[in-house]
C-alpha atoms as a PDB file:
ATOM      1  CA  MET A   1     -28.622  30.103-164.279  1.00  0.00           C
ATOM      2  CA  LYS A   2     -26.004  27.885-162.635  1.00  0.00           C
ATOM      3  CA  LEU A   3     -26.743  24.493-161.095  1.00  0.00           C
ATOM      4  CA  ASN A   4     -24.708  22.577-158.522  1.00  0.00           C
ATOM      5  CA  LEU A   5     -26.216  19.110-158.981  1.00  0.00           C
ATOM      6  CA  GLY A   6     -25.822  16.656-156.141  1.00  0.00           C
ATOM      7  CA  CYS A   7     -24.353  19.370-153.940  1.00  0.00           C
ATOM      8  CA  GLY A   8     -24.475  17.485-150.661  1.00  0.00           C
ATOM      9  CA  PHE A   9     -22.934  19.745-148.039  1.00  0.00           C
ATOM     10  CA  ASN A  10     -20.705  21.428-150.670  1.00  0.00           C
ATOM     11  CA  LYS A  11     -22.832  24.389-151.651  1.00  0.00           C
ATOM     12  CA  LYS A  12     -21.528  26.926-154.178  1.00  0.00           C
ATOM     13  CA  ALA A  13     -22.348  30.637-154.042  1.00  0.00           C
ATOM     14  CA  GLY A  14     -24.119  31.849-157.166  1.00  0.00           C
ATOM     15  CA  CYS A  15     -25.583  28.424-157.925  1.00  0.00           C
ATOM     16  CA  ILE A  16     -28.874  26.733-157.254  1.00  0.00           C
ATOM     17  CA  ASN A  17     -27.620  23.984-154.965  1.00  0.00           C
ATOM     18  CA  ILE A  18     -29.603  20.823-155.660  1.00  0.00           C
ATOM     19  CA  ASP A  19     -29.604  17.483-153.884  1.00  0.00           C
ATOM     20  CA  LYS A  20     -31.891  14.489-153.448  1.00  0.00           C
ATOM     21  CA  PHE A  21     -31.517  14.595-149.662  1.00  0.00           C
ATOM     22  CA  ASP A  22     -33.004  17.451-147.656  1.00  0.00           C
ATOM     23  CA  ALA A  23     -30.645  16.617-144.749  1.00  0.00           C
ATOM     24  CA  CYS A  24     -27.939  18.692-146.472  1.00  0.00           C
ATOM     25  CA  GLN A  25     -30.357  21.632-146.767  1.00  0.00           C
ATOM     26  CA  PRO A  26     -29.996  22.303-150.501  1.00  0.00           C
ATOM     27  CA  ASP A  27     -31.726  25.234-152.186  1.00  0.00           C
ATOM     28  CA  MET A  28     -33.848  22.652-154.015  1.00  0.00           C
ATOM     29  CA  VAL A  29     -34.586  19.024-153.224  1.00  0.00           C
ATOM     30  CA  LEU A  30     -34.597  17.131-156.513  1.00  0.00           C
ATOM     31  CA  ASP A  31     -33.809  13.565-157.541  1.00  0.00           C
ATOM     32  CA  ILE A  32     -32.066  14.086-160.892  1.00  0.00           C
ATOM     33  CA  GLU A  33     -32.758  10.477-161.835  1.00  0.00           C
ATOM     34  CA  LEU A  34     -36.402  11.496-162.222  1.00  0.00           C
ATOM     35  CA  THR A  35     -37.133  13.524-165.338  1.00  0.00           C
ATOM     36  CA  PRO A  36     -38.189  16.011-166.516  1.00  0.00           C
ATOM     37  CA  TRP A  37     -36.399  18.495-164.291  1.00  0.00           C
ATOM     38  CA  PRO A  38     -38.224  21.706-163.339  1.00  0.00           C
ATOM     39  CA  PHE A  39     -36.166  23.989-165.580  1.00  0.00           C
ATOM     40  CA  LYS A  40     -36.950  25.548-168.926  1.00  0.00           C
ATOM     41  CA  THR A  41     -35.257  24.342-172.086  1.00  0.00           C
ATOM     42  CA  GLY A  42     -31.951  26.138-172.632  1.00  0.00           C
ATOM     43  CA  GLU A  43     -31.981  28.236-169.460  1.00  0.00           C
ATOM     44  CA  VAL A  44     -28.889  26.782-167.756  1.00  0.00           C
ATOM     45  CA  GLU A  45     -25.462  28.285-168.505  1.00  0.00           C
ATOM     46  CA  GLU A  46     -23.325  26.259-166.124  1.00  0.00           C
ATOM     47  CA  VAL A  47     -23.550  22.948-164.261  1.00  0.00           C
ATOM     48  CA  ILE A  48     -21.301  21.521-161.579  1.00  0.00           C
ATOM     49  CA  PHE A  49     -21.228  17.823-160.696  1.00  0.00           C
ATOM     50  CA  ASN A  50     -18.696  17.737-157.849  1.00  0.00           C
ATOM     51  CA  HIS A  51     -18.389  14.100-156.839  1.00  0.00           C
ATOM     52  CA  SER A  52     -22.042  13.443-157.609  1.00  0.00           C
ATOM     53  CA  LEU A  53     -22.430  12.082-161.162  1.00  0.00           C
ATOM     54  CA  GLU A  54     -20.934   8.723-160.129  1.00  0.00           C
ATOM     55  CA  HIS A  55     -23.804   8.345-157.643  1.00  0.00           C
ATOM     56  CA  VAL A  56     -26.608   8.303-160.247  1.00  0.00           C
ATOM     57  CA  GLY A  57     -27.687   6.290-163.239  1.00  0.00           C
ATOM     58  CA  ALA A  58     -26.816   2.730-162.218  1.00  0.00           C
ATOM     59  CA  ASN A  59     -29.308   1.662-164.897  1.00  0.00           C
ATOM     60  CA  ALA A  60     -28.139   2.727-168.378  1.00  0.00           C
ATOM     61  CA  GLU A  61     -31.578   4.043-169.368  1.00  0.00           C
ATOM     62  CA  VAL A  62     -31.699   6.229-166.248  1.00  0.00           C
ATOM     63  CA  PHE A  63     -28.195   7.539-167.016  1.00  0.00           C
ATOM     64  CA  PHE A  64     -29.249   8.278-170.598  1.00  0.00           C
ATOM     65  CA  GLY A  65     -32.274  10.144-169.236  1.00  0.00           C
ATOM     66  CA  ILE A  66     -29.988  12.300-167.100  1.00  0.00           C
ATOM     67  CA  MET A  67     -27.796  13.096-170.112  1.00  0.00           C
ATOM     68  CA  ARG A  68     -30.854  13.949-172.258  1.00  0.00           C
ATOM     69  CA  GLU A  69     -32.286  16.189-169.556  1.00  0.00           C
ATOM     70  CA  LEU A  70     -28.923  17.865-168.952  1.00  0.00           C
ATOM     71  CA  TYR A  71     -28.740  18.634-172.667  1.00  0.00           C
ATOM     72  CA  ARG A  72     -32.307  19.927-172.753  1.00  0.00           C
ATOM     73  CA  VAL A  73     -31.927  22.408-169.885  1.00  0.00           C
ATOM     74  CA  CYS A  74     -28.516  23.722-170.999  1.00  0.00           C
ATOM     75  CA  SER A  75     -28.011  26.609-173.393  1.00  0.00           C
ATOM     76  CA  ALA A  76     -25.663  26.459-176.386  1.00  0.00           C
ATOM     77  CA  GLY A  77     -22.120  26.773-175.098  1.00  0.00           C
ATOM     78  CA  ALA A  78     -23.073  25.922-171.507  1.00  0.00           C
ATOM     79  CA  LYS A  79     -20.165  24.712-169.399  1.00  0.00           C
ATOM     80  CA  ILE A  80     -20.367  21.521-167.368  1.00  0.00           C
ATOM     81  CA  GLN A  81     -17.698  20.745-164.770  1.00  0.00           C
ATOM     82  CA  ILE A  82     -17.527  17.130-163.659  1.00  0.00           C
ATOM     83  CA  ASN A  83     -15.224  16.048-160.824  1.00  0.00           C
ATOM     84  CA  VAL A  84     -15.319  12.339-160.034  1.00  0.00           C
ATOM     85  CA  PRO A  85     -13.128   9.816-158.239  1.00  0.00           C
ATOM     86  CA  HIS A  86     -10.897   7.809-160.532  1.00  0.00           C
ATOM     87  CA  PRO A  87     -12.454   4.341-160.968  1.00  0.00           C
ATOM     88  CA  ARG A  88      -9.211   2.624-159.929  1.00  0.00           C
ATOM     89  CA  HIS A  89      -8.889   4.516-156.661  1.00  0.00           C
ATOM     90  CA  ASP A  90     -10.046   3.392-153.234  1.00  0.00           C
ATOM     91  CA  HIS A  91     -12.151   6.577-153.018  1.00  0.00           C
ATOM     92  CA  PHE A  92     -14.323   5.112-155.788  1.00  0.00           C
ATOM     93  CA  LEU A  93     -14.079   1.450-154.896  1.00  0.00           C
ATOM     94  CA  ASN A  94     -14.922   1.732-151.202  1.00  0.00           C
ATOM     95  CA  ASP A  95     -18.123   3.772-151.465  1.00  0.00           C
ATOM     96  CA  PRO A  96     -21.192   1.567-151.994  1.00  0.00           C
ATOM     97  CA  THR A  97     -23.153   4.580-153.288  1.00  0.00           C
ATOM     98  CA  HIS A  98     -20.886   4.865-156.342  1.00  0.00           C
ATOM     99  CA  VAL A  99     -22.947   3.213-159.059  1.00  0.00           C
ATOM    100  CA  ARG A 100     -21.398   4.425-162.343  1.00  0.00           C
ATOM    101  CA  VAL A 101     -17.829   4.838-163.539  1.00  0.00           C
ATOM    102  CA  ILE A 102     -17.357   8.251-165.172  1.00  0.00           C
ATOM    103  CA  THR A 103     -14.340   8.661-167.457  1.00  0.00           C
ATOM    104  CA  PRO A 104     -13.408  11.020-170.279  1.00  0.00           C
ATOM    105  CA  GLN A 105     -13.844   8.097-172.670  1.00  0.00           C
ATOM    106  CA  LEU A 106     -17.408   7.502-171.460  1.00  0.00           C
ATOM    107  CA  LEU A 107     -18.289  11.178-171.876  1.00  0.00           C
ATOM    108  CA  SER A 108     -16.774  11.275-175.376  1.00  0.00           C
ATOM    109  CA  LEU A 109     -19.550   8.883-176.467  1.00  0.00           C
ATOM    110  CA  PHE A 110     -21.906  11.883-176.167  1.00  0.00           C
ATOM    111  CA  SER A 111     -20.078  13.923-178.861  1.00  0.00           C
ATOM    112  CA  LYS A 112     -21.775  13.997-182.271  1.00  0.00           C
ATOM    113  CA  ARG A 113     -18.496  15.109-183.881  1.00  0.00           C
ATOM    114  CA  LEU A 114     -16.728  12.015-182.554  1.00  0.00           C
ATOM    115  CA  ASN A 115     -19.725   9.779-183.324  1.00  0.00           C
ATOM    116  CA  ARG A 116     -19.551  10.872-186.977  1.00  0.00           C
ATOM    117  CA  GLU A 117     -15.770  10.321-187.107  1.00  0.00           C
ATOM    118  CA  TRP A 118     -16.123   6.845-185.618  1.00  0.00           C
ATOM    119  CA  LYS A 119     -18.897   5.953-188.064  1.00  0.00           C
ATOM    120  CA  LYS A 120     -16.776   7.167-191.006  1.00  0.00           C
ATOM    121  CA  ASN A 121     -13.781   5.146-189.798  1.00  0.00           C
ATOM    122  CA  GLY A 122     -15.757   2.011-188.905  1.00  0.00           C
ATOM    123  CA  VAL A 123     -14.983   2.286-185.178  1.00  0.00           C
ATOM    124  CA  SER A 124     -17.360   0.305-182.982  1.00  0.00           C
ATOM    125  CA  ASN A 125     -17.782   2.879-180.160  1.00  0.00           C
ATOM    126  CA  SER A 126     -21.421   3.381-179.191  1.00  0.00           C
ATOM    127  CA  PRO A 127     -22.653   6.563-180.937  1.00  0.00           C
ATOM    128  CA  LEU A 128     -24.709   7.675-177.940  1.00  0.00           C
ATOM    129  CA  ALA A 129     -24.838  11.332-179.011  1.00  0.00           C
ATOM    130  CA  ILE A 130     -26.604  10.323-182.223  1.00  0.00           C
ATOM    131  CA  TYR A 131     -28.864   7.768-180.530  1.00  0.00           C
ATOM    132  CA  LEU A 132     -29.902  10.199-177.769  1.00  0.00           C
ATOM    133  CA  ASP A 133     -29.758  13.405-179.863  1.00  0.00           C
ATOM    134  CA  VAL A 134     -27.413  15.161-177.435  1.00  0.00           C
ATOM    135  CA  ASP A 135     -24.048  16.794-178.071  1.00  0.00           C
ATOM    136  CA  PHE A 136     -21.392  17.370-175.431  1.00  0.00           C
ATOM    137  CA  GLU A 137     -17.782  18.087-176.301  1.00  0.00           C
ATOM    138  CA  VAL A 138     -15.039  17.161-173.817  1.00  0.00           C
ATOM    139  CA  LYS A 139     -12.968  20.356-173.580  1.00  0.00           C
ATOM    140  CA  THR A 140     -10.417  19.560-170.879  1.00  0.00           C
ATOM    141  CA  VAL A 141      -9.418  16.607-168.733  1.00  0.00           C
ATOM    142  CA  ALA A 142      -7.166  16.744-165.678  1.00  0.00           C
ATOM    143  CA  GLN A 143      -6.051  13.836-163.561  1.00  0.00           C
ATOM    144  CA  VAL A 144      -5.344  14.606-159.923  1.00  0.00           C
ATOM    145  CA  LEU A 145      -2.392  12.504-158.814  1.00  0.00           C
ATOM    146  CA  GLU A 146      -1.767  11.195-155.337  1.00  0.00           C
ATOM    147  CA  LYS A 147       0.936  13.359-153.706  1.00  0.00           C
ATOM    148  CA  LYS A 148       3.563  10.608-153.804  1.00  0.00           C
ATOM    149  CA  TYR A 149       3.318  10.317-157.596  1.00  0.00           C
ATOM    150  CA  MET A 150       3.075  14.070-158.134  1.00  0.00           C
ATOM    151  CA  ASP A 151       6.309  14.467-156.147  1.00  0.00           C
ATOM    152  CA  LEU A 152       8.030  11.694-158.132  1.00  0.00           C
ATOM    153  CA  LEU A 153       7.020  13.363-161.396  1.00  0.00           C
ATOM    154  CA  ASN A 154       7.934  16.887-160.282  1.00  0.00           C
ATOM    155  CA  ASN A 155      11.332  15.740-158.953  1.00  0.00           C
ATOM    156  CA  GLY A 156      12.195  13.945-162.207  1.00  0.00           C
ATOM    157  CA  LYS A 157      12.173  10.497-160.554  1.00  0.00           C
ATOM    158  CA  ILE A 158       9.657   9.235-163.124  1.00  0.00           C
ATOM    159  CA  SER A 159       8.859  10.442-166.625  1.00  0.00           C
ATOM    160  CA  GLU A 160       5.418  11.247-168.038  1.00  0.00           C
ATOM    161  CA  GLN A 161       5.601   7.969-169.997  1.00  0.00           C
ATOM    162  CA  GLU A 162       6.496   5.958-166.884  1.00  0.00           C
ATOM    163  CA  LEU A 163       3.649   7.651-165.010  1.00  0.00           C
ATOM    164  CA  ALA A 164       1.205   6.774-167.793  1.00  0.00           C
ATOM    165  CA  THR A 165       2.282   3.136-167.563  1.00  0.00           C
ATOM    166  CA  ILE A 166       1.890   3.111-163.772  1.00  0.00           C
ATOM    167  CA  ILE A 167      -1.580   4.672-164.047  1.00  0.00           C
ATOM    168  CA  ASN A 168      -2.643   1.905-166.451  1.00  0.00           C
ATOM    169  CA  GLU A 169      -1.244  -0.867-164.270  1.00  0.00           C
ATOM    170  CA  ARG A 170      -2.011   0.121-160.672  1.00  0.00           C
ATOM    171  CA  ASN A 171      -4.721   1.409-158.394  1.00  0.00           C
ATOM    172  CA  ASN A 172      -4.502   4.543-156.224  1.00  0.00           C
ATOM    173  CA  ILE A 173      -2.282   6.618-158.526  1.00  0.00           C
ATOM    174  CA  VAL A 174      -4.914   9.054-159.825  1.00  0.00           C
ATOM    175  CA  SER A 175      -7.448  10.093-157.207  1.00  0.00           C
ATOM    176  CA  GLU A 176      -9.776  12.170-159.374  1.00  0.00           C
ATOM    177  CA  TYR A 177     -10.774  13.148-162.887  1.00  0.00           C
ATOM    178  CA  GLN A 178     -11.706  16.777-163.527  1.00  0.00           C
ATOM    179  CA  ILE A 179     -13.568  16.949-166.832  1.00  0.00           C
ATOM    180  CA  ALA A 180     -14.980  20.054-168.497  1.00  0.00           C
ATOM    181  CA  LEU A 181     -17.711  19.653-171.124  1.00  0.00           C
ATOM    182  CA  GLU A 182     -19.285  22.167-173.461  1.00  0.00           C
ATOM    183  CA  VAL A 183     -22.837  21.861-174.737  1.00  0.00           C
ATOM    184  CA  ILE A 184     -23.066  22.001-178.540  1.00  0.00           C
ATOM    185  CA  LYS A 185     -26.389  23.153-180.003  1.00  0.00           C
END
């Protein structure tokens, strides 16, 4: 089973397209902030959050509930694709329905492997995977650059290091994160 959570008007063939609002005519109307979800434990093989995860879980406990429920319904090895606006881009900043910043660093807090490493090394990151008994591994991260900066990089006008510095110092350089997770069970 494949889920497209928070599909809006962006439905995906082969998925159960789910949204809180029936105005977009999803296959299933469901508020994912309310748990449990109506799926069996371990029956989901793939999940897509395409510009939707940043719209839910303003309250940390609600967000944790979403992560617990996502883990429960997913099978071992399930793939989760998360596309979100970069938190320092106007696409994120100017939408009042964006309630949670989603970054690769945030999602790494849900990895038991990393939680154990941090504990061993005395790092103070929140071991959310251990606290919540979930385990998601960040497999890949891509940053979608604004065209101007992609062109500068591709034409050799700026180096990767210079780009990294610009990304850390300025808004509107990276428009989107594309993050792939794998469920570890």
